Amino acid sequence: MSNTIRVLVVDDQEELAKELKSVLETDEELAVVGLATDGFDALEKMPACAPDVVLMDIRMPNMNGVVATRRIKEEYSQTKVVILTTFDDSDYILNAINNGASGYLLKDMGSTALLSAVKNAYAGDTILPAKIARRITDAASRVAADREIKLARAFSLSDREVEIALMMYEGFTNRQISSALKLSEGTTRNYVSSIYIKTNSENRAEAVQAIKAIL
């Protein structure tokens, strides 16, 4: 069938890999084209298997799923990689997605959900169970809070100055900052001038470099 979705299963637990294969092959739209035992094995099998979707265990010997995902996405950008794990760890989640994974699944999910997830990943969706999505949101919030704390401590900035400094770092102009924060342009200029002084900068480019160095 020309529209069959080709799947490579990567897991160092042979029995689990076989179980996943059995579940996937209950759907006529899916075809398991290979089993791999770690990241190295997966990379070796990619040319011959030419999968559309890789189901990738995250904790494996030799080469883990995060590194393997990055390598696969570098060489086969069109291939979708979905991370499989029993560990809903936010660091692994963020690393895998930052390295190009299309989503993240817990191994205890039901067979119907697994089949749907593979098809949805192939279609371009990001696969994140609700509790994993919450962990990512929480982790992102912590990162944002850490950035604000770093800036405030490094340059003795007020809360409003931190907000504006981050917007300067993101490339916002004074006018855009004024509009977003509902400030007059004069007030915004005063805040920006204060940020120049506190970051020991002569101009916006120097201030942004100082902010970047802290972040």
C-alpha atoms as a PDB file:
ATOM      1  CA  MET A   1       0.000   0.000   0.000  1.00  0.00           C
ATOM      2  CA  SER A   2       1.558   3.293  -1.086  1.00  0.00           C
ATOM      3  CA  ASN A   3       0.043   5.205   1.824  1.00  0.00           C
ATOM      4  CA  THR A   4       1.355   2.860   4.510  1.00  0.00           C
ATOM      5  CA  ILE A   5       3.225   4.658   7.315  1.00  0.00           C
ATOM      6  CA  ARG A   6       6.624   3.014   7.809  1.00  0.00           C
ATOM      7  CA  VAL A   7       7.687   2.710  11.473  1.00  0.00           C
ATOM      8  CA  LEU A   8      11.063   1.891  13.040  1.00  0.00           C
ATOM      9  CA  VAL A   9      10.885   0.797  16.708  1.00  0.00           C
ATOM     10  CA  VAL A  10      13.984   1.546  18.825  1.00  0.00           C
ATOM     11  CA  ASP A  11      14.132  -0.022  22.304  1.00  0.00           C
ATOM     12  CA  ASP A  12      16.805  -1.973  24.155  1.00  0.00           C
ATOM     13  CA  GLN A  13      14.149  -4.206  25.720  1.00  0.00           C
ATOM     14  CA  GLU A  14      13.576  -6.810  23.024  1.00  0.00           C
ATOM     15  CA  GLU A  15      10.286  -8.116  24.384  1.00  0.00           C
ATOM     16  CA  LEU A  16       8.800  -4.634  24.626  1.00  0.00           C
ATOM     17  CA  ALA A  17       9.929  -3.819  21.098  1.00  0.00           C
ATOM     18  CA  LYS A  18       8.194  -6.963  19.842  1.00  0.00           C
ATOM     19  CA  GLU A  19       5.025  -6.047  21.757  1.00  0.00           C
ATOM     20  CA  LEU A  20       5.018  -2.587  20.187  1.00  0.00           C
ATOM     21  CA  LYS A  21       5.514  -4.179  16.775  1.00  0.00           C
ATOM     22  CA  SER A  22       2.540  -6.484  17.350  1.00  0.00           C
ATOM     23  CA  VAL A  23       0.300  -3.589  18.400  1.00  0.00           C
ATOM     24  CA  LEU A  24       1.330  -1.393  15.478  1.00  0.00           C
ATOM     25  CA  GLU A  25       0.748  -4.160  12.955  1.00  0.00           C
ATOM     26  CA  THR A  26      -2.885  -4.519  14.014  1.00  0.00           C
ATOM     27  CA  ASP A  27      -3.463  -1.360  11.963  1.00  0.00           C
ATOM     28  CA  GLU A  28      -3.292  -1.847   8.209  1.00  0.00           C
ATOM     29  CA  GLU A  29      -2.147   1.764   7.743  1.00  0.00           C
ATOM     30  CA  LEU A  30       1.086   1.046   9.646  1.00  0.00           C
ATOM     31  CA  ALA A  31       4.035  -1.175   8.785  1.00  0.00           C
ATOM     32  CA  VAL A  32       6.938  -1.891  11.156  1.00  0.00           C
ATOM     33  CA  VAL A  33       9.990  -1.863   8.889  1.00  0.00           C
ATOM     34  CA  GLY A  34      12.597  -2.582  11.553  1.00  0.00           C
ATOM     35  CA  LEU A  35      13.567  -3.029  15.208  1.00  0.00           C
ATOM     36  CA  ALA A  36      16.689  -1.428  16.694  1.00  0.00           C
ATOM     37  CA  THR A  37      18.267  -1.919  20.112  1.00  0.00           C
ATOM     38  CA  ASP A  38      19.875   1.512  20.645  1.00  0.00           C
ATOM     39  CA  GLY A  39      20.639   4.798  18.929  1.00  0.00           C
ATOM     40  CA  PHE A  40      23.655   3.454  17.010  1.00  0.00           C
ATOM     41  CA  ASP A  41      21.633   0.520  15.730  1.00  0.00           C
ATOM     42  CA  ALA A  42      18.821   2.868  14.696  1.00  0.00           C
ATOM     43  CA  LEU A  43      21.179   5.113  12.718  1.00  0.00           C
ATOM     44  CA  GLU A  44      22.675   2.093  10.944  1.00  0.00           C
ATOM     45  CA  LYS A  45      19.212   0.848   9.959  1.00  0.00           C
ATOM     46  CA  MET A  46      17.808   4.212   8.818  1.00  0.00           C
ATOM     47  CA  PRO A  47      18.989   4.009   5.165  1.00  0.00           C
ATOM     48  CA  ALA A  48      17.566   0.536   4.550  1.00  0.00           C
ATOM     49  CA  CYS A  49      14.384   0.976   6.600  1.00  0.00           C
ATOM     50  CA  ALA A  50      13.569   4.531   5.443  1.00  0.00           C
ATOM     51  CA  PRO A  51      10.928   4.990   8.160  1.00  0.00           C
ATOM     52  CA  ASP A  52       8.365   7.760   8.180  1.00  0.00           C
ATOM     53  CA  VAL A  53       8.121   7.586  11.984  1.00  0.00           C
ATOM     54  CA  VAL A  54      10.650   6.381  14.571  1.00  0.00           C
ATOM     55  CA  LEU A  55       9.375   5.265  17.984  1.00  0.00           C
ATOM     56  CA  MET A  56      12.412   5.985  20.143  1.00  0.00           C
ATOM     57  CA  ASP A  57      13.061   4.768  23.679  1.00  0.00           C
ATOM     58  CA  ILE A  58      14.823   7.504  25.654  1.00  0.00           C
ATOM     59  CA  ARG A  59      17.033   5.543  28.048  1.00  0.00           C
ATOM     60  CA  MET A  60      19.271   3.085  26.199  1.00  0.00           C
ATOM     61  CA  PRO A  61      22.920   2.003  26.394  1.00  0.00           C
ATOM     62  CA  ASN A  62      25.537   3.186  23.881  1.00  0.00           C
ATOM     63  CA  MET A  63      23.456   6.068  22.488  1.00  0.00           C
ATOM     64  CA  ASN A  64      20.346   7.339  24.228  1.00  0.00           C
ATOM     65  CA  GLY A  65      17.161   8.539  22.587  1.00  0.00           C
ATOM     66  CA  VAL A  66      17.902  12.261  22.900  1.00  0.00           C
ATOM     67  CA  VAL A  67      21.228  12.004  21.049  1.00  0.00           C
ATOM     68  CA  ALA A  68      19.794   9.578  18.498  1.00  0.00           C
ATOM     69  CA  THR A  69      16.868  11.910  17.837  1.00  0.00           C
ATOM     70  CA  ARG A  70      19.223  14.803  17.114  1.00  0.00           C
ATOM     71  CA  ARG A  71      21.348  12.674  14.773  1.00  0.00           C
ATOM     72  CA  ILE A  72      18.331  11.332  12.904  1.00  0.00           C
ATOM     73  CA  LYS A  73      16.777  14.790  12.488  1.00  0.00           C
ATOM     74  CA  GLU A  74      20.106  16.149  11.198  1.00  0.00           C
ATOM     75  CA  GLU A  75      20.361  13.458   8.529  1.00  0.00           C
ATOM     76  CA  TYR A  76      16.692  12.671   7.839  1.00  0.00           C
ATOM     77  CA  SER A  77      14.794  15.885   8.520  1.00  0.00           C
ATOM     78  CA  GLN A  78      11.476  14.588   7.165  1.00  0.00           C
ATOM     79  CA  THR A  79      11.398  11.588   9.527  1.00  0.00           C
ATOM     80  CA  LYS A  80       9.206  12.063  12.594  1.00  0.00           C
ATOM     81  CA  VAL A  81      10.623  10.877  15.917  1.00  0.00           C
ATOM     82  CA  VAL A  82       8.311  10.099  18.826  1.00  0.00           C
ATOM     83  CA  ILE A  83       9.963   9.476  22.178  1.00  0.00           C
ATOM     84  CA  LEU A  84       8.822   6.465  24.203  1.00  0.00           C
ATOM     85  CA  THR A  85       9.588   6.247  27.897  1.00  0.00           C
ATOM     86  CA  THR A  86       8.419   5.252  31.344  1.00  0.00           C
ATOM     87  CA  PHE A  87      10.198   8.301  32.767  1.00  0.00           C
ATOM     88  CA  ASP A  88       8.146  11.503  32.569  1.00  0.00           C
ATOM     89  CA  ASP A  89      11.188  13.632  33.410  1.00  0.00           C
ATOM     90  CA  SER A  90      10.949  17.279  32.325  1.00  0.00           C
ATOM     91  CA  ASP A  91      14.660  17.566  31.443  1.00  0.00           C
ATOM     92  CA  TYR A  92      14.451  14.618  29.081  1.00  0.00           C
ATOM     93  CA  ILE A  93      11.187  15.949  27.647  1.00  0.00           C
ATOM     94  CA  LEU A  94      12.625  19.361  26.853  1.00  0.00           C
ATOM     95  CA  ASN A  95      15.895  17.942  25.504  1.00  0.00           C
ATOM     96  CA  ALA A  96      14.129  15.513  23.211  1.00  0.00           C
ATOM     97  CA  ILE A  97      11.768  18.144  21.824  1.00  0.00           C
ATOM     98  CA  ASN A  98      14.573  20.688  21.462  1.00  0.00           C
ATOM     99  CA  ASN A  99      16.429  18.090  19.413  1.00  0.00           C
ATOM    100  CA  GLY A 100      13.548  17.715  16.984  1.00  0.00           C
ATOM    101  CA  ALA A 101      11.250  15.081  18.488  1.00  0.00           C
ATOM    102  CA  SER A 102       7.634  15.291  17.343  1.00  0.00           C
ATOM    103  CA  GLY A 103       6.343  14.245  20.717  1.00  0.00           C
ATOM    104  CA  TYR A 104       6.590  12.157  23.788  1.00  0.00           C
ATOM    105  CA  LEU A 105       4.651   9.060  24.845  1.00  0.00           C
ATOM    106  CA  LEU A 106       4.596   7.064  28.042  1.00  0.00           C
ATOM    107  CA  LYS A 107       4.963   3.335  27.501  1.00  0.00           C
ATOM    108  CA  ASP A 108       1.935   2.505  29.614  1.00  0.00           C
ATOM    109  CA  MET A 109      -0.434   4.188  27.155  1.00  0.00           C
ATOM    110  CA  GLY A 110      -3.152   2.047  25.577  1.00  0.00           C
ATOM    111  CA  SER A 111      -2.843   0.497  22.143  1.00  0.00           C
ATOM    112  CA  THR A 112      -5.507   2.741  20.582  1.00  0.00           C
ATOM    113  CA  ALA A 113      -3.702   5.852  21.832  1.00  0.00           C
ATOM    114  CA  LEU A 114      -0.388   4.530  20.492  1.00  0.00           C
ATOM    115  CA  LEU A 115      -1.785   3.928  17.015  1.00  0.00           C
ATOM    116  CA  SER A 116      -3.364   7.372  16.954  1.00  0.00           C
ATOM    117  CA  ALA A 117      -0.158   9.004  18.161  1.00  0.00           C
ATOM    118  CA  VAL A 118       1.926   7.465  15.362  1.00  0.00           C
ATOM    119  CA  LYS A 119      -0.553   8.620  12.735  1.00  0.00           C
ATOM    120  CA  ASN A 120      -0.821  12.091  14.255  1.00  0.00           C
ATOM    121  CA  ALA A 121       2.960  12.460  14.415  1.00  0.00           C
ATOM    122  CA  TYR A 122       3.195  11.440  10.758  1.00  0.00           C
ATOM    123  CA  ALA A 123       0.589  14.107   9.957  1.00  0.00           C
ATOM    124  CA  GLY A 124       2.764  16.735  11.637  1.00  0.00           C
ATOM    125  CA  ASP A 125       1.152  17.036  15.061  1.00  0.00           C
ATOM    126  CA  THR A 126       3.099  17.373  18.306  1.00  0.00           C
ATOM    127  CA  ILE A 127       2.291  14.464  20.616  1.00  0.00           C
ATOM    128  CA  LEU A 128       2.169  15.397  24.293  1.00  0.00           C
ATOM    129  CA  PRO A 129       0.010  13.647  26.890  1.00  0.00           C
ATOM    130  CA  ALA A 130      -1.613  16.131  29.268  1.00  0.00           C
ATOM    131  CA  LYS A 131       0.619  15.452  32.266  1.00  0.00           C
ATOM    132  CA  ILE A 132       3.746  15.822  30.126  1.00  0.00           C
ATOM    133  CA  ALA A 133       2.439  19.069  28.635  1.00  0.00           C
ATOM    134  CA  ARG A 134       1.972  20.365  32.173  1.00  0.00           C
ATOM    135  CA  ARG A 135       5.555  19.470  33.054  1.00  0.00           C
ATOM    136  CA  ILE A 136       6.853  21.338  29.997  1.00  0.00           C
ATOM    137  CA  THR A 137       4.789  24.391  30.904  1.00  0.00           C
ATOM    138  CA  ASP A 138       6.114  24.268  34.462  1.00  0.00           C
ATOM    139  CA  ALA A 139       9.704  23.886  33.252  1.00  0.00           C
ATOM    140  CA  ALA A 140       9.318  26.789  30.810  1.00  0.00           C
ATOM    141  CA  SER A 141       7.941  28.944  33.616  1.00  0.00           C
ATOM    142  CA  ARG A 142      10.941  28.102  35.772  1.00  0.00           C
ATOM    143  CA  VAL A 143      13.314  29.045  32.937  1.00  0.00           C
ATOM    144  CA  ALA A 144      11.541  32.397  32.485  1.00  0.00           C
ATOM    145  CA  ALA A 145      11.676  33.065  36.226  1.00  0.00           C
ATOM    146  CA  ASP A 146      15.388  32.157  36.321  1.00  0.00           C
ATOM    147  CA  ARG A 147      16.127  34.651  33.531  1.00  0.00           C
ATOM    148  CA  GLU A 148      14.304  37.423  35.376  1.00  0.00           C
ATOM    149  CA  ILE A 149      16.108  36.674  38.637  1.00  0.00           C
ATOM    150  CA  LYS A 150      19.509  36.612  36.893  1.00  0.00           C
ATOM    151  CA  LEU A 151      18.934  40.011  35.283  1.00  0.00           C
ATOM    152  CA  ALA A 152      17.587  41.607  38.437  1.00  0.00           C
ATOM    153  CA  ARG A 153      20.569  40.388  40.478  1.00  0.00           C
ATOM    154  CA  ALA A 154      23.242  41.158  37.892  1.00  0.00           C
ATOM    155  CA  PHE A 155      22.211  44.763  37.235  1.00  0.00           C
ATOM    156  CA  SER A 156      19.963  45.674  40.192  1.00  0.00           C
ATOM    157  CA  LEU A 157      17.028  46.149  37.818  1.00  0.00           C
ATOM    158  CA  SER A 158      13.479  46.806  38.993  1.00  0.00           C
ATOM    159  CA  ASP A 159      10.704  44.428  37.932  1.00  0.00           C
ATOM    160  CA  ARG A 160       9.651  46.812  35.142  1.00  0.00           C
ATOM    161  CA  GLU A 161      13.256  47.259  33.985  1.00  0.00           C
ATOM    162  CA  VAL A 162      13.678  43.475  33.847  1.00  0.00           C
ATOM    163  CA  GLU A 163      10.532  43.225  31.715  1.00  0.00           C
ATOM    164  CA  ILE A 164      11.787  45.909  29.320  1.00  0.00           C
ATOM    165  CA  ALA A 165      15.337  44.507  29.250  1.00  0.00           C
ATOM    166  CA  LEU A 166      13.983  41.125  28.141  1.00  0.00           C
ATOM    167  CA  MET A 167      11.893  42.808  25.449  1.00  0.00           C
ATOM    168  CA  MET A 168      14.979  44.698  24.231  1.00  0.00           C
ATOM    169  CA  TYR A 169      16.817  41.375  24.118  1.00  0.00           C
ATOM    170  CA  GLU A 170      13.974  39.914  22.018  1.00  0.00           C
ATOM    171  CA  GLY A 171      14.327  42.800  19.535  1.00  0.00           C
ATOM    172  CA  PHE A 172      11.378  45.019  20.483  1.00  0.00           C
ATOM    173  CA  THR A 173      11.682  48.717  19.589  1.00  0.00           C
ATOM    174  CA  ASN A 174      10.799  51.451  22.096  1.00  0.00           C
ATOM    175  CA  ARG A 175       7.523  52.025  20.292  1.00  0.00           C
ATOM    176  CA  GLN A 176       6.626  48.325  20.425  1.00  0.00           C
ATOM    177  CA  ILE A 177       7.539  48.176  24.119  1.00  0.00           C
ATOM    178  CA  SER A 178       5.372  51.232  24.810  1.00  0.00           C
ATOM    179  CA  SER A 179       2.442  49.686  22.972  1.00  0.00           C
ATOM    180  CA  ALA A 180       2.774  46.267  24.620  1.00  0.00           C
ATOM    181  CA  LEU A 181       3.155  47.640  28.161  1.00  0.00           C
ATOM    182  CA  LYS A 182       0.783  50.581  27.675  1.00  0.00           C
ATOM    183  CA  LEU A 183       3.465  53.145  28.525  1.00  0.00           C
ATOM    184  CA  SER A 184       4.159  56.516  26.951  1.00  0.00           C
ATOM    185  CA  GLU A 185       7.219  56.540  24.687  1.00  0.00           C
ATOM    186  CA  GLY A 186       8.843  59.050  27.022  1.00  0.00           C
ATOM    187  CA  THR A 187       8.426  56.707  29.982  1.00  0.00           C
ATOM    188  CA  THR A 188       9.839  53.825  27.955  1.00  0.00           C
ATOM    189  CA  ARG A 189      12.857  55.945  26.948  1.00  0.00           C
ATOM    190  CA  ASN A 190      13.475  56.716  30.615  1.00  0.00           C
ATOM    191  CA  TYR A 191      13.432  53.011  31.500  1.00  0.00           C
ATOM    192  CA  VAL A 192      15.757  52.207  28.588  1.00  0.00           C
ATOM    193  CA  SER A 193      18.152  54.960  29.647  1.00  0.00           C
ATOM    194  CA  SER A 194      18.182  53.545  33.174  1.00  0.00           C
ATOM    195  CA  ILE A 195      18.958  50.092  31.760  1.00  0.00           C
ATOM    196  CA  TYR A 196      21.889  51.593  29.784  1.00  0.00           C
ATOM    197  CA  ILE A 197      23.287  53.077  33.000  1.00  0.00           C
ATOM    198  CA  LYS A 198      22.837  49.914  35.057  1.00  0.00           C
ATOM    199  CA  THR A 199      24.362  47.675  32.371  1.00  0.00           C
ATOM    200  CA  ASN A 200      27.214  50.160  31.842  1.00  0.00           C
ATOM    201  CA  SER A 201      26.269  50.520  28.181  1.00  0.00           C
ATOM    202  CA  GLU A 202      26.546  53.412  25.740  1.00  0.00           C
ATOM    203  CA  ASN A 203      23.780  52.254  23.396  1.00  0.00           C
ATOM    204  CA  ARG A 204      21.128  49.627  22.742  1.00  0.00           C
ATOM    205  CA  ALA A 205      23.483  47.160  21.056  1.00  0.00           C
ATOM    206  CA  GLU A 206      25.847  47.204  24.045  1.00  0.00           C
ATOM    207  CA  ALA A 207      22.936  46.833  26.467  1.00  0.00           C
ATOM    208  CA  VAL A 208      21.585  43.840  24.549  1.00  0.00           C
ATOM    209  CA  GLN A 209      25.048  42.234  24.588  1.00  0.00           C
ATOM    210  CA  ALA A 210      25.270  42.770  28.349  1.00  0.00           C
ATOM    211  CA  ILE A 211      21.830  41.230  28.833  1.00  0.00           C
ATOM    212  CA  LYS A 212      22.713  38.307  26.541  1.00  0.00           C
ATOM    213  CA  ALA A 213      25.864  37.595  28.532  1.00  0.00           C
ATOM    214  CA  ILE A 214      23.799  37.131  31.684  1.00  0.00           C
ATOM    215  CA  LEU A 215      21.097  34.979  30.081  1.00  0.00           C
END
